[in-house]
Amino acid sequence: MNSLDVTQIPRGEKQTGWLDVAPRPEGSLWRLPYLFVAGESDGPTLVVTAGVHGDEYEGIEAIPRIHRSTQPADLSGTLVMVPVCNVPAFEAITRNSPIDGLNLARVFPGDASGSITQRIADVIATNLLPHADYYIDLHSGGLMYDIPTLAGYIHDDSEIGRRSRAGAEAFGAPVLWGHPLPLAPGRTISSAAEQGVPCLYTEATGGGYAREEDVISFEQGVNNIMKWMDMLEGSAPSSQPAHHLVGNGNIDQAILAPSAGMFRPEVQLLEEVSEGQLLGTIQDLFGEMVDEIRATASGVVIMLRRFHRVRVGDGLAHITQRLAG
């Protein structure tokens, strides 16, 4: 099986290739695409992934652009990127794998002998993350969720926390979202943190397509990180986020639908809400209200469900807090 030894990538080269994961029934292989640029001079290693969920396209589009625009002669160190991590979900246009039903962002560090999703996580956790000096995972709201363009980071006073936050600030997203330790288990960034690697992830509005402004934001953000890491010449532009938030960052822990029907939100992203405030309603097919959805805490709306059709237990909204001070 093909593997990628990041420590042995020759200086001054720029290539694409495949990481083998597991056999397919018809005799071919599940494999992950990778792109790397090795600078002509030594320096740090930046690892960037996207497509951990198969319906999130902003990072998938940004990574090839970054690869095309980054030249070995201009780079110190090594840039390694995987544009589509969850290939089964990407093929099926779904958030989770259609093969084993698992969420790749909840199974790290994976299992080399497990199901396909667990094996993908193992390939990333063992081949890429241990060699990273910084790690970026590019996400968005995908088909189901509406989320503002943001950079999430480890919010902690430790060295890894300080580096994670500094990188997130350099990335230049309009919203920063800090997550105190311990992070939700199974995530790419929780696996990176366990290996001592400072990291950030992104979100964006999603919707089943990639807005050009979000693709550009991700492309510029990765370039800003490379400048911040002294991999590229120049300095990352200094900017203040419009919103700096803090919370656990686990979108799976959302306010859930108590009934089925049509969800109609009554609030907007990044709106300040009070505990008990009406966030939206669920209506039946006759247009009659079935349930009122109210805020379980005061804070800022960071996620809203995009699909109006809901089943019992579907996530509808997530509330987080502003960073104090």
Foldseek 3Di string as FASTA:
>chain_A
DDADALVPDDQQDWDKDWAFQQADPVGHTDIFIKIKHHANAAFFEEEEEEQLFQQFCLQLVQVVVLSVVDGNPQFHHMYMYTSHLQVQRVVVNGRAHPPPRDRLQAQPCADSPDDRSSRSSVSCLPRPLLRHQEYEYEGEQGQWKFFAKAKEFACDPDPLRVVLVVLRQLLPTQEYEYAYPPARHNGPVNSSVVSVHRYIYIYHGHNSDHDPVSSVSNNLSVVSSSCVRVGGDDHRDHDDHPFYFYDNPDLLPAQWDQAWAFWDAPDDAFDWDAFFQFGTFGAHPVRHTDDTGTHNHTAGWRMATPGRTDHGGDGGTHGTHGDDD
